Amino acid sequence: MTAPSTYGLSTQARNLQWLLTDLVEEVPGVNSVAVVSSDGLLLLSSDPGAESPREPRTKGPRGASADLATIVSGLGSLTTGAAALMDGGSVKQTMVAMEHGSVFVMAISDGSLLGVHATPDCDMSVVAYHMALFVGRAGHVLTPEVRSELRQSMEKTP
């Protein structure tokens, strides 16, 4: 987990980190996860370079966890623009199925986005269900103060 030390963080920020860790460790097929603010800044992420204790990691976004955040932010922007052009309302979820994996993006109530990179053989409905649980639990907690705190903590992470 690319989470900074929880020392000095608020209870809300620690709870969000715990929820993210739980999503990565408990949902089969999840490679990495990122929470991105509405302005595209990384708030929380799993470590895409770490191997799961259950199974070896498959190929994922290259480099730092910022890569997944960039992909999530870009997909969020693209689908929001497409929805506006089509008078489709707000985008709830985006899923991209690839030969070697899937990327899911789900909106969080404050405009932030939850992104998940998963293996090609993951159960998409299980991943989507757990993402919805995360969004439901995190949506009311991501206040401007907590977002600022998380941004600062990510900047301090080596």
C-alpha atoms as a PDB file:
ATOM      1  CA  MET A   1       0.000   0.000   0.000  1.00  0.00           C
ATOM      2  CA  THR A   2       1.396   3.382  -0.923  1.00  0.00           C
ATOM      3  CA  ALA A   3      -0.121   4.797   2.169  1.00  0.00           C
ATOM      4  CA  PRO A   4       1.855   7.123   4.323  1.00  0.00           C
ATOM      5  CA  SER A   5       2.159   6.487   7.994  1.00  0.00           C
ATOM      6  CA  THR A   6      -1.198   6.949   9.656  1.00  0.00           C
ATOM      7  CA  TYR A   7       0.500   8.804  12.504  1.00  0.00           C
ATOM      8  CA  GLY A   8      -1.010  12.253  12.802  1.00  0.00           C
ATOM      9  CA  LEU A   9      -3.840  11.599  10.358  1.00  0.00           C
ATOM     10  CA  SER A  10      -7.456  12.159  11.273  1.00  0.00           C
ATOM     11  CA  THR A  11      -9.744   9.248  11.997  1.00  0.00           C
ATOM     12  CA  GLN A  12     -11.533   9.844   8.683  1.00  0.00           C
ATOM     13  CA  ALA A  13      -8.283   9.677   6.681  1.00  0.00           C
ATOM     14  CA  ARG A  14      -7.188   6.504   8.502  1.00  0.00           C
ATOM     15  CA  ASN A  15     -10.594   4.927   7.848  1.00  0.00           C
ATOM     16  CA  LEU A  16     -10.336   5.688   4.126  1.00  0.00           C
ATOM     17  CA  GLN A  17      -6.884   4.104   4.011  1.00  0.00           C
ATOM     18  CA  TRP A  18      -8.261   1.055   5.796  1.00  0.00           C
ATOM     19  CA  LEU A  19     -11.180   0.798   3.321  1.00  0.00           C
ATOM     20  CA  LEU A  20      -8.778   0.984   0.383  1.00  0.00           C
ATOM     21  CA  THR A  21      -6.473  -1.659   1.867  1.00  0.00           C
ATOM     22  CA  ASP A  22      -9.477  -3.898   2.483  1.00  0.00           C
ATOM     23  CA  LEU A  23     -10.620  -3.512  -1.145  1.00  0.00           C
ATOM     24  CA  VAL A  24      -7.200  -4.513  -2.472  1.00  0.00           C
ATOM     25  CA  GLU A  25      -6.621  -7.405  -0.100  1.00  0.00           C
ATOM     26  CA  GLU A  26     -10.114  -8.900   0.038  1.00  0.00           C
ATOM     27  CA  VAL A  27     -11.366  -8.734  -3.551  1.00  0.00           C
ATOM     28  CA  PRO A  28      -9.896 -11.430  -5.816  1.00  0.00           C
ATOM     29  CA  GLY A  29      -8.356 -10.131  -9.012  1.00  0.00           C
ATOM     30  CA  VAL A  30      -7.759  -6.543  -7.892  1.00  0.00           C
ATOM     31  CA  ASN A  31      -4.246  -5.433  -8.849  1.00  0.00           C
ATOM     32  CA  SER A  32      -4.274  -1.792  -7.817  1.00  0.00           C
ATOM     33  CA  VAL A  33      -6.618   0.958  -6.687  1.00  0.00           C
ATOM     34  CA  ALA A  34      -6.488   4.756  -6.791  1.00  0.00           C
ATOM     35  CA  VAL A  35      -8.727   7.491  -5.456  1.00  0.00           C
ATOM     36  CA  VAL A  36      -8.370  10.694  -7.454  1.00  0.00           C
ATOM     37  CA  SER A  37      -9.778  14.104  -6.550  1.00  0.00           C
ATOM     38  CA  SER A  38     -12.055  15.985  -8.924  1.00  0.00           C
ATOM     39  CA  ASP A  39      -9.045  18.035 -10.051  1.00  0.00           C
ATOM     40  CA  GLY A  40      -7.038  14.897 -10.903  1.00  0.00           C
ATOM     41  CA  LEU A  41      -4.775  14.714  -7.866  1.00  0.00           C
ATOM     42  CA  LEU A  42      -3.980  11.362  -6.278  1.00  0.00           C
ATOM     43  CA  LEU A  43      -5.528  11.068  -2.812  1.00  0.00           C
ATOM     44  CA  LEU A  44      -5.092   7.380  -1.980  1.00  0.00           C
ATOM     45  CA  SER A  45      -3.560   4.439  -3.788  1.00  0.00           C
ATOM     46  CA  SER A  46      -2.438   0.888  -3.438  1.00  0.00           C
ATOM     47  CA  ASP A  47       1.097  -0.009  -4.420  1.00  0.00           C
ATOM     48  CA  PRO A  48       1.035  -1.393  -7.964  1.00  0.00           C
ATOM     49  CA  GLY A  49       4.527  -2.812  -7.491  1.00  0.00           C
ATOM     50  CA  ALA A  50       3.709  -4.935  -4.476  1.00  0.00           C
ATOM     51  CA  GLU A  51       2.771  -8.568  -4.837  1.00  0.00           C
ATOM     52  CA  SER A  52      -0.368  -9.892  -3.244  1.00  0.00           C
ATOM     53  CA  PRO A  53       0.208 -12.517  -0.560  1.00  0.00           C
ATOM     54  CA  ARG A  54      -2.408 -14.693  -2.329  1.00  0.00           C
ATOM     55  CA  GLU A  55      -1.131 -14.602  -5.905  1.00  0.00           C
ATOM     56  CA  PRO A  56       1.688 -13.113  -7.956  1.00  0.00           C
ATOM     57  CA  ARG A  57       0.904  -9.760  -9.480  1.00  0.00           C
ATOM     58  CA  THR A  58       0.142  -9.597 -13.164  1.00  0.00           C
ATOM     59  CA  LYS A  59       1.180  -6.769 -15.446  1.00  0.00           C
ATOM     60  CA  GLY A  60      -0.312  -3.456 -14.446  1.00  0.00           C
ATOM     61  CA  PRO A  61       0.223   0.220 -15.057  1.00  0.00           C
ATOM     62  CA  ARG A  62       3.903   0.972 -15.516  1.00  0.00           C
ATOM     63  CA  GLY A  63       5.774   2.924 -12.884  1.00  0.00           C
ATOM     64  CA  ALA A  64       4.310   4.638  -9.880  1.00  0.00           C
ATOM     65  CA  SER A  65       0.760   4.560  -8.613  1.00  0.00           C
ATOM     66  CA  ALA A  66       0.405   7.979 -10.212  1.00  0.00           C
ATOM     67  CA  ASP A  67       0.010   6.158 -13.550  1.00  0.00           C
ATOM     68  CA  LEU A  68      -3.265   4.567 -12.475  1.00  0.00           C
ATOM     69  CA  ALA A  69      -4.414   7.924 -11.101  1.00  0.00           C
ATOM     70  CA  THR A  70      -3.661   9.546 -14.464  1.00  0.00           C
ATOM     71  CA  ILE A  71      -5.622   6.847 -16.314  1.00  0.00           C
ATOM     72  CA  VAL A  72      -8.559   7.147 -13.910  1.00  0.00           C
ATOM     73  CA  SER A  73      -8.617  10.933 -14.198  1.00  0.00           C
ATOM     74  CA  GLY A  74      -8.435  10.785 -17.998  1.00  0.00           C
ATOM     75  CA  LEU A  75     -11.196   8.179 -18.293  1.00  0.00           C
ATOM     76  CA  GLY A  76     -13.341  10.187 -15.899  1.00  0.00           C
ATOM     77  CA  SER A  77     -12.900  13.337 -17.954  1.00  0.00           C
ATOM     78  CA  LEU A  78     -13.508  11.555 -21.254  1.00  0.00           C
ATOM     79  CA  THR A  79     -16.690   9.833 -20.107  1.00  0.00           C
ATOM     80  CA  THR A  80     -18.029  12.990 -18.467  1.00  0.00           C
ATOM     81  CA  GLY A  81     -17.524  14.852 -21.749  1.00  0.00           C
ATOM     82  CA  ALA A  82     -19.186  12.056 -23.706  1.00  0.00           C
ATOM     83  CA  ALA A  83     -22.161  12.015 -21.318  1.00  0.00           C
ATOM     84  CA  ALA A  84     -22.562  15.783 -21.693  1.00  0.00           C
ATOM     85  CA  LEU A  85     -22.522  15.539 -25.499  1.00  0.00           C
ATOM     86  CA  MET A  86     -25.143  12.781 -25.373  1.00  0.00           C
ATOM     87  CA  ASP A  87     -27.291  14.445 -22.687  1.00  0.00           C
ATOM     88  CA  GLY A  88     -26.686  11.313 -20.627  1.00  0.00           C
ATOM     89  CA  GLY A  89     -26.529  12.884 -17.179  1.00  0.00           C
ATOM     90  CA  SER A  90     -23.792  12.074 -14.706  1.00  0.00           C
ATOM     91  CA  VAL A  91     -21.474   9.106 -15.241  1.00  0.00           C
ATOM     92  CA  LYS A  92     -21.856   6.466 -12.542  1.00  0.00           C
ATOM     93  CA  GLN A  93     -19.312   3.884 -13.675  1.00  0.00           C
ATOM     94  CA  THR A  94     -16.944   3.204 -16.559  1.00  0.00           C
ATOM     95  CA  MET A  95     -15.427  -0.177 -17.373  1.00  0.00           C
ATOM     96  CA  VAL A  96     -12.732  -0.917 -19.926  1.00  0.00           C
ATOM     97  CA  ALA A  97     -12.149  -4.590 -20.688  1.00  0.00           C
ATOM     98  CA  MET A  98      -8.756  -5.349 -22.209  1.00  0.00           C
ATOM     99  CA  GLU A  99      -7.041  -8.539 -23.265  1.00  0.00           C
ATOM    100  CA  HIS A 100      -4.873  -8.568 -20.143  1.00  0.00           C
ATOM    101  CA  GLY A 101      -7.061  -6.847 -17.570  1.00  0.00           C
ATOM    102  CA  SER A 102      -9.847  -4.428 -16.808  1.00  0.00           C
ATOM    103  CA  VAL A 103     -10.072  -0.880 -15.517  1.00  0.00           C
ATOM    104  CA  PHE A 104     -13.109   0.270 -13.576  1.00  0.00           C
ATOM    105  CA  VAL A 105     -13.842   3.896 -12.680  1.00  0.00           C
ATOM    106  CA  MET A 106     -16.662   4.862 -10.336  1.00  0.00           C
ATOM    107  CA  ALA A 107     -17.740   8.335  -9.289  1.00  0.00           C
ATOM    108  CA  ILE A 108     -17.651   9.306  -5.634  1.00  0.00           C
ATOM    109  CA  SER A 109     -20.231  11.838  -4.475  1.00  0.00           C
ATOM    110  CA  ASP A 110     -17.820  14.774  -4.159  1.00  0.00           C
ATOM    111  CA  GLY A 111     -16.549  14.507  -7.741  1.00  0.00           C
ATOM    112  CA  SER A 112     -13.628  12.295  -6.798  1.00  0.00           C
ATOM    113  CA  LEU A 113     -13.129   9.016  -8.636  1.00  0.00           C
ATOM    114  CA  LEU A 114     -12.337   5.483  -7.516  1.00  0.00           C
ATOM    115  CA  GLY A 115     -10.311   3.507 -10.038  1.00  0.00           C
ATOM    116  CA  VAL A 116      -9.493  -0.193  -9.988  1.00  0.00           C
ATOM    117  CA  HIS A 117      -7.158  -2.165 -12.237  1.00  0.00           C
ATOM    118  CA  ALA A 118      -8.064  -5.851 -12.159  1.00  0.00           C
ATOM    119  CA  THR A 119      -6.985  -9.121 -13.754  1.00  0.00           C
ATOM    120  CA  PRO A 120      -8.728 -10.346 -16.915  1.00  0.00           C
ATOM    121  CA  ASP A 121     -10.302 -13.253 -15.036  1.00  0.00           C
ATOM    122  CA  CYS A 122     -11.755 -11.194 -12.185  1.00  0.00           C
ATOM    123  CA  ASP A 123     -15.453 -11.426 -11.456  1.00  0.00           C
ATOM    124  CA  MET A 124     -16.511  -7.995 -12.720  1.00  0.00           C
ATOM    125  CA  SER A 125     -19.718  -7.987 -10.712  1.00  0.00           C
ATOM    126  CA  VAL A 126     -17.809  -8.670  -7.479  1.00  0.00           C
ATOM    127  CA  VAL A 127     -15.308  -5.883  -8.223  1.00  0.00           C
ATOM    128  CA  ALA A 128     -18.133  -3.454  -9.064  1.00  0.00           C
ATOM    129  CA  TYR A 129     -20.038  -4.436  -5.910  1.00  0.00           C
ATOM    130  CA  HIS A 130     -17.037  -3.809  -3.656  1.00  0.00           C
ATOM    131  CA  MET A 131     -16.313  -0.539  -5.430  1.00  0.00           C
ATOM    132  CA  ALA A 132     -19.902   0.548  -4.742  1.00  0.00           C
ATOM    133  CA  LEU A 133     -19.449  -0.365  -1.073  1.00  0.00           C
ATOM    134  CA  PHE A 134     -16.264   1.731  -0.939  1.00  0.00           C
ATOM    135  CA  VAL A 135     -17.986   4.678  -2.637  1.00  0.00           C
ATOM    136  CA  GLY A 136     -20.950   4.437  -0.269  1.00  0.00           C
ATOM    137  CA  ARG A 137     -18.700   4.428   2.771  1.00  0.00           C
ATOM    138  CA  ALA A 138     -16.187   7.001   1.535  1.00  0.00           C
ATOM    139  CA  GLY A 139     -18.458   9.501  -0.185  1.00  0.00           C
ATOM    140  CA  HIS A 140     -19.581  11.375   2.916  1.00  0.00           C
ATOM    141  CA  VAL A 141     -16.090  11.272   4.473  1.00  0.00           C
ATOM    142  CA  LEU A 142     -14.216  12.958   1.610  1.00  0.00           C
ATOM    143  CA  THR A 143     -14.695  16.490   2.866  1.00  0.00           C
ATOM    144  CA  PRO A 144     -12.449  19.287   1.589  1.00  0.00           C
ATOM    145  CA  GLU A 145     -10.428  19.017   4.810  1.00  0.00           C
ATOM    146  CA  VAL A 146      -9.857  15.261   4.448  1.00  0.00           C
ATOM    147  CA  ARG A 147      -8.991  15.616   0.738  1.00  0.00           C
ATOM    148  CA  SER A 148      -6.405  18.249   1.627  1.00  0.00           C
ATOM    149  CA  GLU A 149      -5.002  16.052   4.393  1.00  0.00           C
ATOM    150  CA  LEU A 150      -4.755  13.044   2.058  1.00  0.00           C
ATOM    151  CA  ARG A 151      -3.073  15.113  -0.677  1.00  0.00           C
ATOM    152  CA  GLN A 152      -0.487  16.351   1.786  1.00  0.00           C
ATOM    153  CA  SER A 153       0.141  12.852   3.107  1.00  0.00           C
ATOM    154  CA  MET A 154       0.633  11.509  -0.458  1.00  0.00           C
ATOM    155  CA  GLU A 155       3.127  14.298  -1.188  1.00  0.00           C
ATOM    156  CA  LYS A 156       5.170  13.188   1.818  1.00  0.00           C
ATOM    157  CA  THR A 157       5.231   9.538   0.663  1.00  0.00           C
ATOM    158  CA  PRO A 158       8.647   8.635  -0.804  1.00  0.00           C
END
